Amino acid sequence: MESLHFEPLYIFNSKYRCRYEYGLNPKELPSLDPYYPTQILEHRQAQYKEFLEITKPFVDKLLLYLKGIPTLIIVTDHERVVLDVTGEAFFQEELGLKPGLAFTEKGAGTNAVDLALTYEKTFQVKGKEHFFESMHNFSCTSCLFSTVNWYNEPQKGTIGIMTSVENASPLHSGLLSSVVDGIEREFKLRVQNRKLESLNQIMVTTSRNGIVITDKEGKITECNHSAEELFAIDREDMLGKKVREVQPFGEYVELAVRKKQRIDNMDLNFINIENKMKYITMDVSPIYGKNQEFIGAYGQFRDITDRVELEQQVIQNEKFSAIGRLSAGLAHEIRNPLTPIIGFVNLLKNESHLDEKVKQYLRIMSDELERVRKLVNDFVIVSKPEPPELKKTSLHTLVEQVIRFMESQGSLHNVQMEVNHSIDETDELLVDASQMKQVLINLLTNAMDAMERGGAIRVETGKDLGNGMFSIKVQDEGCGMSEDQLNQLFNPFFTTKDDGLGLGLSICYRIIKNHGGTINVVSQLGEGSTFEILLPVKEGREAFIFE
């Protein structure tokens, strides 16, 4: 007498629906017609592409574990459509399994894929538990997977094991659940990493600070557009290079990589490709992995040039203000006795009864007194310059006049002057021509004094309508200046000459400032100096600030 066999309720209910609702015949073959047209299937596979990529190594390990047992691994989406089939080719040919077929209850009868998605848990259907008799020789175990992709879209489906009834094992359910857990964790981790990578990329690319990232060997692996602009180096030229090869920051970042130490708020300055001084503040931090292993360094560079220049301007203005208050009274006190002294000396020089030696002494006294008077006058100009008498002037003509005036002096110093105009003779701006000539003569004289062995002085004029400025550059081939000298260059009474008073450049600074312009200098010892004057193009007295 045969023992009674009771099927689980979910199997009973499924078979009932297959027979009486769908009108299926268990002796016929299951209908696994393509559920998706080819184009839609390819689109769905593309949606699950990353999940399928992660699944592959897990499936390969699972098949290796089940080596010797004919097995198929089937991956479906939430609509029960096969996305991928891997494993025993004989099973695939016998059942005609391929991507695009669907394991719906209405077509494939009672099956593990449909049950797993319906009840959202792992199911094993084997042998006669299948509705169709053609499936009675097979055992199918399906486990539900549920993930959220990069676009925050839910992705659901099943991963299943199909094998023969003889090789069926209740362990397949636990084995498959373990594999799916691993796949879900890996997928979640990859999505999180991609989101973090994207967020980091957004932060790097949109940051106004320059950012450079290296690996543990000190090779640059990433840099942003701000770093390209700040250091005038293309990203392609930086990536893959040893960081120590990239100046001006390389040696400091390399030191941080080698010693695995932080660098905070280090100030650096350098001359950029446009021959202008740039000031930056640098931070470097070691980067550690999840196991606290050192994996690289992160460098951030803030351009503080505007702030430094503003601070220098404030300090300069404070110096001039203090000197102005001091000199106003001092010049008055010196001028009062100086004028009659000069007058009496000049009278004595004209006395005929004085012998020649006394007259020589008087001439020396007169020359020195004139020198004192000039010093006082220059001092007054520095402290309280005369307001510029603004008139429309051709910058081209003004520069040419000064060059012609200085040519003879240049010949005495064995200096040639080269002029390059990027402006027309008709380009005019509002300036005090006399004061501007004084500035140019002072710069050219200084350039000649800096070239003891002669050389060339290049004078260039230009116009930048975008910034609304005219420019005049005076470049020499002299001895250059140190950083300390540059920092004091426009200070009253600072000079690098043995017989200089140190007021010439201070006067130039005040004249240019009172014209609403700026004067900048770039210099290196042994490589000469370049002075650049920038003057506003716009007309009207509102362009100028007189102090």
Foldseek 3Di string as FASTA:
>chain_A
DDDDDDDPPVLVVLLCCQCPVLVDDQADAFAFPQPDDPVVLVVVCVVCVVLVVLLVVLVVVVCVVVPPFFKKKFWDWLQQFTNDIDTHPVVCVVNVDDGRTGCDCSGQNDDQFNVCSVVVAKDKQAAPSGSHNVRNQKIKIKGKAWAAALVRRIIIGIIMMMGTRVPDDPVRRVSRVVSRVVSRVVRVVVSVVVVVVVVVVCCQAPDLWWKWKDWLQQFTQDIYPNVCVVQVNDGVRRHRDRQLVDPDCSVVQVVCSVVVDKDFQDKDWDQHPVRAIWIKTKIKHFDADPVRHTTIMMMIIDTCRVVVVVVLVVVLVVLLQVLLVVLVVVLVVCVVVLVVVLVVLVVVLPDPVDDPVVNVVSVVVNVVSVVVNVVSVLSNCLNANDQAPWDKAQPVVLVVVLCVVCVVVLVVLQEAEAEEEPDDSPQIAITRSVLVSLLVNLVVVVQSVQANPYYYWYWYWDADVVVQKIKIKIWHQGQWDDPVCQSCQLRFQDDPDPPDRRRSSSSSQLRLQQQLKGWGKRTDGNGTIMIMIIGGSDYDNVSGDHD
